[in-house]
C-alpha atoms as a PDB file:
ATOM      1  CA  MET A   1      18.593 148.723 148.893  1.00  0.00           C
ATOM      2  CA  GLY A   2      22.085 147.091 149.165  1.00  0.00           C
ATOM      3  CA  GLU A   3      24.279 146.266 152.658  1.00  0.00           C
ATOM      4  CA  LEU A   4      26.717 148.890 153.697  1.00  0.00           C
ATOM      5  CA  LYS A   5      30.363 148.270 153.070  1.00  0.00           C
ATOM      6  CA  VAL A   6      33.613 150.103 154.719  1.00  0.00           C
ATOM      7  CA  ASN A   7      36.468 150.638 153.371  1.00  0.00           C
ATOM      8  CA  ARG A   8      39.650 149.418 154.676  1.00  0.00           C
ATOM      9  CA  GLN A   9      39.639 152.972 156.591  1.00  0.00           C
ATOM     10  CA  GLY A  10      37.254 152.441 157.908  1.00  0.00           C
ATOM     11  CA  GLU A  11      35.026 155.162 155.268  1.00  0.00           C
ATOM     12  CA  THR A  12      31.455 154.191 154.287  1.00  0.00           C
ATOM     13  CA  THR A  13      31.251 153.123 150.360  1.00  0.00           C
ATOM     14  CA  SER A  14      28.798 157.085 150.455  1.00  0.00           C
ATOM     15  CA  GLU A  15      31.988 158.836 152.145  1.00  0.00           C
ATOM     16  CA  VAL A  16      34.186 157.499 149.808  1.00  0.00           C
ATOM     17  CA  SER A  17      32.163 158.226 147.249  1.00  0.00           C
ATOM     18  CA  ASN A  18      31.402 162.214 149.006  1.00  0.00           C
ATOM     19  CA  GLN A  19      34.989 162.423 148.700  1.00  0.00           C
ATOM     20  CA  LEU A  20      35.548 161.400 145.249  1.00  0.00           C
ATOM     21  CA  ALA A  21      32.476 163.583 143.792  1.00  0.00           C
ATOM     22  CA  GLY A  22      33.949 165.842 145.334  1.00  0.00           C
ATOM     23  CA  LEU A  23      36.958 165.929 144.218  1.00  0.00           C
ATOM     24  CA  GLY A  24      35.503 164.984 140.625  1.00  0.00           C
ATOM     25  CA  ARG A  25      33.782 168.416 140.913  1.00  0.00           C
ATOM     26  CA  GLU A  26      37.124 170.435 139.409  1.00  0.00           C
ATOM     27  CA  MET A  27      37.617 168.110 136.695  1.00  0.00           C
ATOM     28  CA  ALA A  28      37.135 168.863 133.103  1.00  0.00           C
ATOM     29  CA  PRO A  29      33.648 168.593 131.621  1.00  0.00           C
ATOM     30  CA  ALA A  30      33.326 164.790 129.491  1.00  0.00           C
ATOM     31  CA  GLY A  31      33.995 166.109 125.999  1.00  0.00           C
ATOM     32  CA  ALA A  32      37.540 167.671 127.156  1.00  0.00           C
ATOM     33  CA  ALA A  33      40.563 165.830 126.142  1.00  0.00           C
ATOM     34  CA  PRO A  34      41.805 163.991 129.416  1.00  0.00           C
ATOM     35  CA  PRO A  35      45.086 165.269 130.880  1.00  0.00           C
ATOM     36  CA  ALA A  36      48.542 164.067 130.000  1.00  0.00           C
ATOM     37  CA  ALA A  37      50.041 162.905 132.913  1.00  0.00           C
ATOM     38  CA  PRO A  38      49.215 159.970 135.047  1.00  0.00           C
ATOM     39  CA  ILE A  39      47.477 159.570 138.280  1.00  0.00           C
ATOM     40  CA  PRO A  40      50.195 159.909 140.556  1.00  0.00           C
ATOM     41  CA  ALA A  41      50.699 157.411 142.886  1.00  0.00           C
ATOM     42  CA  ASP A  42      48.976 159.318 146.335  1.00  0.00           C
ATOM     43  CA  ASP A  43      44.768 158.903 144.146  1.00  0.00           C
ATOM     44  CA  SER A  44      46.394 155.324 143.716  1.00  0.00           C
ATOM     45  CA  ASP A  45      44.783 153.965 146.753  1.00  0.00           C
ATOM     46  CA  LEU A  46      41.368 155.396 145.859  1.00  0.00           C
ATOM     47  CA  ILE A  47      41.634 152.503 143.047  1.00  0.00           C
ATOM     48  CA  PRO A  48      40.114 149.612 145.592  1.00  0.00           C
ATOM     49  CA  ASP A  49      37.255 152.824 147.008  1.00  0.00           C
ATOM     50  CA  PHE A  50      36.609 152.756 142.911  1.00  0.00           C
ATOM     51  CA  LEU A  51      35.734 149.402 142.585  1.00  0.00           C
ATOM     52  CA  MET A  52      33.974 148.541 146.375  1.00  0.00           C
ATOM     53  CA  GLU A  53      31.745 151.921 144.034  1.00  0.00           C
ATOM     54  CA  SER A  54      31.155 150.866 140.724  1.00  0.00           C
ATOM     55  CA  ARG A  55      30.566 147.364 142.023  1.00  0.00           C
ATOM     56  CA  GLU A  56      27.957 148.339 143.933  1.00  0.00           C
ATOM     57  CA  HIS A  57      26.479 150.050 141.457  1.00  0.00           C
ATOM     58  CA  LEU A  58      27.050 147.810 138.672  1.00  0.00           C
ATOM     59  CA  SER A  59      24.840 145.397 141.502  1.00  0.00           C
ATOM     60  CA  GLN A  60      22.032 148.576 141.058  1.00  0.00           C
ATOM     61  CA  VAL A  61      22.029 148.144 137.490  1.00  0.00           C
ATOM     62  CA  GLU A  62      21.145 144.422 136.881  1.00  0.00           C
ATOM     63  CA  SER A  63      18.184 145.280 139.602  1.00  0.00           C
ATOM     64  CA  ARG A  64      17.115 148.304 137.612  1.00  0.00           C
ATOM     65  CA  VAL A  65      17.001 146.165 134.553  1.00  0.00           C
ATOM     66  CA  LEU A  66      14.575 143.624 135.576  1.00  0.00           C
ATOM     67  CA  ASP A  67      12.866 145.916 136.551  1.00  0.00           C
ATOM     68  CA  LEU A  68      12.265 147.663 133.062  1.00  0.00           C
ATOM     69  CA  GLU A  69      12.333 144.362 132.008  1.00  0.00           C
ATOM     70  CA  HIS A  70       8.898 144.156 133.515  1.00  0.00           C
ATOM     71  CA  ASP A  71       8.226 147.685 133.435  1.00  0.00           C
ATOM     72  CA  PRO A  72      10.339 149.658 130.446  1.00  0.00           C
ATOM     73  CA  ARG A  73       8.641 153.396 132.040  1.00  0.00           C
ATOM     74  CA  ASN A  74       9.313 153.168 135.132  1.00  0.00           C
ATOM     75  CA  ALA A  75      10.778 155.766 135.750  1.00  0.00           C
ATOM     76  CA  ASN A  76      12.662 155.432 139.128  1.00  0.00           C
ATOM     77  CA  ALA A  77      13.940 152.230 137.632  1.00  0.00           C
ATOM     78  CA  ILE A  78      15.589 154.790 134.785  1.00  0.00           C
ATOM     79  CA  ASP A  79      16.434 157.176 137.603  1.00  0.00           C
ATOM     80  CA  GLY A  80      18.657 154.737 139.476  1.00  0.00           C
ATOM     81  CA  ALA A  81      20.364 153.244 136.223  1.00  0.00           C
ATOM     82  CA  PHE A  82      21.415 156.248 135.046  1.00  0.00           C
ATOM     83  CA  ARG A  83      22.781 157.568 138.600  1.00  0.00           C
ATOM     84  CA  SER A  84      25.054 154.688 138.787  1.00  0.00           C
ATOM     85  CA  PHE A  85      26.129 154.859 135.623  1.00  0.00           C
ATOM     86  CA  HIS A  86      26.955 159.107 135.999  1.00  0.00           C
ATOM     87  CA  THR A  87      28.435 158.076 139.360  1.00  0.00           C
ATOM     88  CA  ILE A  88      30.946 154.934 137.553  1.00  0.00           C
ATOM     89  CA  LYS A  89      31.388 157.522 134.786  1.00  0.00           C
ATOM     90  CA  GLY A  90      32.621 161.022 136.797  1.00  0.00           C
ATOM     91  CA  LEU A  91      34.677 158.505 139.255  1.00  0.00           C
ATOM     92  CA  ALA A  92      36.530 156.539 136.067  1.00  0.00           C
ATOM     93  CA  GLY A  93      37.163 159.921 134.578  1.00  0.00           C
ATOM     94  CA  PHE A  94      38.528 161.378 138.113  1.00  0.00           C
ATOM     95  CA  LEU A  95      40.663 158.988 138.198  1.00  0.00           C
ATOM     96  CA  ASP A  96      41.401 158.786 134.907  1.00  0.00           C
ATOM     97  CA  LEU A  97      40.350 155.932 133.486  1.00  0.00           C
ATOM     98  CA  ASN A  98      39.016 157.090 130.130  1.00  0.00           C
ATOM     99  CA  THR A  99      37.844 153.408 128.472  1.00  0.00           C
ATOM    100  CA  ILE A 100      35.425 153.558 131.535  1.00  0.00           C
ATOM    101  CA  ARG A 101      35.476 156.909 131.625  1.00  0.00           C
ATOM    102  CA  GLU A 102      34.055 157.382 127.852  1.00  0.00           C
ATOM    103  CA  LEU A 103      31.583 154.511 127.359  1.00  0.00           C
ATOM    104  CA  THR A 104      30.152 155.156 131.072  1.00  0.00           C
ATOM    105  CA  HIS A 105      29.603 158.585 129.129  1.00  0.00           C
ATOM    106  CA  GLU A 106      27.017 157.506 126.285  1.00  0.00           C
ATOM    107  CA  VAL A 107      25.178 155.418 128.263  1.00  0.00           C
ATOM    108  CA  GLU A 108      24.395 157.860 130.891  1.00  0.00           C
ATOM    109  CA  THR A 109      23.099 159.850 127.315  1.00  0.00           C
ATOM    110  CA  VAL A 110      21.234 156.744 125.914  1.00  0.00           C
ATOM    111  CA  LEU A 111      19.794 156.623 129.581  1.00  0.00           C
ATOM    112  CA  ASP A 112      18.915 160.308 130.028  1.00  0.00           C
ATOM    113  CA  HIS A 113      17.069 160.179 126.750  1.00  0.00           C
ATOM    114  CA  CYS A 114      15.205 158.305 128.083  1.00  0.00           C
ATOM    115  CA  ARG A 115      14.836 159.647 131.354  1.00  0.00           C
ATOM    116  CA  SER A 116      13.677 163.352 128.993  1.00  0.00           C
ATOM    117  CA  GLY A 117      11.380 160.998 127.272  1.00  0.00           C
ATOM    118  CA  GLN A 118      13.281 161.711 123.596  1.00  0.00           C
ATOM    119  CA  LEU A 119      14.164 157.765 124.382  1.00  0.00           C
ATOM    120  CA  ALA A 120      11.448 154.838 124.923  1.00  0.00           C
ATOM    121  CA  VAL A 121      13.268 151.642 126.941  1.00  0.00           C
ATOM    122  CA  ASP A 122      13.592 149.580 124.502  1.00  0.00           C
ATOM    123  CA  ALA A 123      14.563 145.515 124.192  1.00  0.00           C
ATOM    124  CA  ALA A 124      17.513 147.242 122.545  1.00  0.00           C
ATOM    125  CA  ILE A 125      18.180 149.566 124.953  1.00  0.00           C
ATOM    126  CA  ILE A 126      17.670 147.018 127.666  1.00  0.00           C
ATOM    127  CA  GLN A 127      19.920 145.003 125.933  1.00  0.00           C
ATOM    128  CA  MET A 128      22.836 147.707 125.632  1.00  0.00           C
ATOM    129  CA  MET A 129      21.847 148.478 129.356  1.00  0.00           C
ATOM    130  CA  LEU A 130      23.084 144.762 130.551  1.00  0.00           C
ATOM    131  CA  GLU A 131      26.102 144.621 128.141  1.00  0.00           C
ATOM    132  CA  ALA A 132      27.242 147.950 129.019  1.00  0.00           C
ATOM    133  CA  ALA A 133      27.279 146.467 132.617  1.00  0.00           C
ATOM    134  CA  ASP A 134      28.935 143.016 131.403  1.00  0.00           C
ATOM    135  CA  TYR A 135      31.447 145.195 130.184  1.00  0.00           C
ATOM    136  CA  LEU A 136      32.320 147.718 132.911  1.00  0.00           C
ATOM    137  CA  ALA A 137      31.867 144.379 135.360  1.00  0.00           C
ATOM    138  CA  GLY A 138      35.151 142.721 133.228  1.00  0.00           C
ATOM    139  CA  ALA A 139      37.651 146.414 133.501  1.00  0.00           C
ATOM    140  CA  CYS A 140      36.481 146.442 137.131  1.00  0.00           C
ATOM    141  CA  ASP A 141      38.617 142.657 136.936  1.00  0.00           C
ATOM    142  CA  GLN A 142      41.077 144.344 134.485  1.00  0.00           C
ATOM    143  CA  VAL A 143      41.491 147.708 136.590  1.00  0.00           C
ATOM    144  CA  GLU A 144      42.354 145.255 140.029  1.00  0.00           C
ATOM    145  CA  LYS A 145      45.037 144.087 137.710  1.00  0.00           C
ATOM    146  CA  GLY A 146      46.872 146.852 137.077  1.00  0.00           C
ATOM    147  CA  VAL A 147      45.315 147.649 133.775  1.00  0.00           C
ATOM    148  CA  ARG A 148      44.253 151.064 132.969  1.00  0.00           C
ATOM    149  CA  ASP A 149      42.548 150.745 130.033  1.00  0.00           C
ATOM    150  CA  PRO A 150      41.471 148.007 129.492  1.00  0.00           C
ATOM    151  CA  PRO A 151      39.891 147.544 124.945  1.00  0.00           C
ATOM    152  CA  LEU A 152      36.870 148.961 124.646  1.00  0.00           C
ATOM    153  CA  PRO A 153      34.404 146.771 122.291  1.00  0.00           C
ATOM    154  CA  GLN A 154      34.137 149.298 119.949  1.00  0.00           C
ATOM    155  CA  GLU A 155      31.028 147.870 118.100  1.00  0.00           C
ATOM    156  CA  LEU A 156      29.364 148.782 121.903  1.00  0.00           C
ATOM    157  CA  LEU A 157      30.741 151.768 121.644  1.00  0.00           C
ATOM    158  CA  ALA A 158      29.516 152.905 117.821  1.00  0.00           C
ATOM    159  CA  ARG A 159      25.837 151.664 119.328  1.00  0.00           C
ATOM    160  CA  VAL A 160      25.670 152.989 122.153  1.00  0.00           C
ATOM    161  CA  LYS A 161      26.637 156.344 120.242  1.00  0.00           C
ATOM    162  CA  ARG A 162      23.892 155.978 117.371  1.00  0.00           C
ATOM    163  CA  MET A 163      21.295 155.585 120.240  1.00  0.00           C
ATOM    164  CA  ALA A 164      22.910 158.651 122.017  1.00  0.00           C
ATOM    165  CA  GLY A 165      22.405 160.449 118.492  1.00  0.00           C
ATOM    166  CA  HIS A 166      26.425 160.833 118.428  1.00  0.00           C
ATOM    167  CA  ALA A 167      27.237 159.009 115.553  1.00  0.00           C
ATOM    168  CA  GLY A 168      25.256 158.344 112.772  1.00  0.00           C
ATOM    169  CA  PRO A 169      23.934 155.612 111.096  1.00  0.00           C
ATOM    170  CA  PRO A 170      26.147 151.564 110.878  1.00  0.00           C
ATOM    171  CA  ALA A 171      27.702 152.295 107.426  1.00  0.00           C
ATOM    172  CA  ALA A 172      25.833 149.233 106.526  1.00  0.00           C
ATOM    173  CA  ASP A 173      22.390 151.247 106.823  1.00  0.00           C
ATOM    174  CA  ALA A 174      24.577 154.578 105.264  1.00  0.00           C
ATOM    175  CA  ALA A 175      24.286 153.547 101.217  1.00  0.00           C
END
């Protein structure tokens, strides 16, 4: 496990995660339209905690991907990656970081299919996880600079949605 980090208020990352997760329970379902109002200024204090927590989870995703490259059926690695993307999704949703929430929701769905045995982890899923993690790392950097919704590569989103079963085949394959 990674080292325990403490934020500027003296809270550990797990305490912050619990606080944010508790607040996030009152969110609308993932498919619901995001609220029209921006995040209140008071909530912007949570962004540094979100960034710290997300970066820790992305580090865990990298470790889980390495595990899956060696053993694609490693249930603990699949569960760990799922939990990391799930946590980032929930925190991003609470903070109205919609592009981060959208991508992590779709990745989470793919990993849930892997957990249930509907999909087998293969090179394409591992590559998608790495690309999603790379996007999320860059998105965290952009959020840190004040960009609320960093542009989401539509090709990546479309590919993840196809894997998740939320979209049809690519246009070239449809003919």
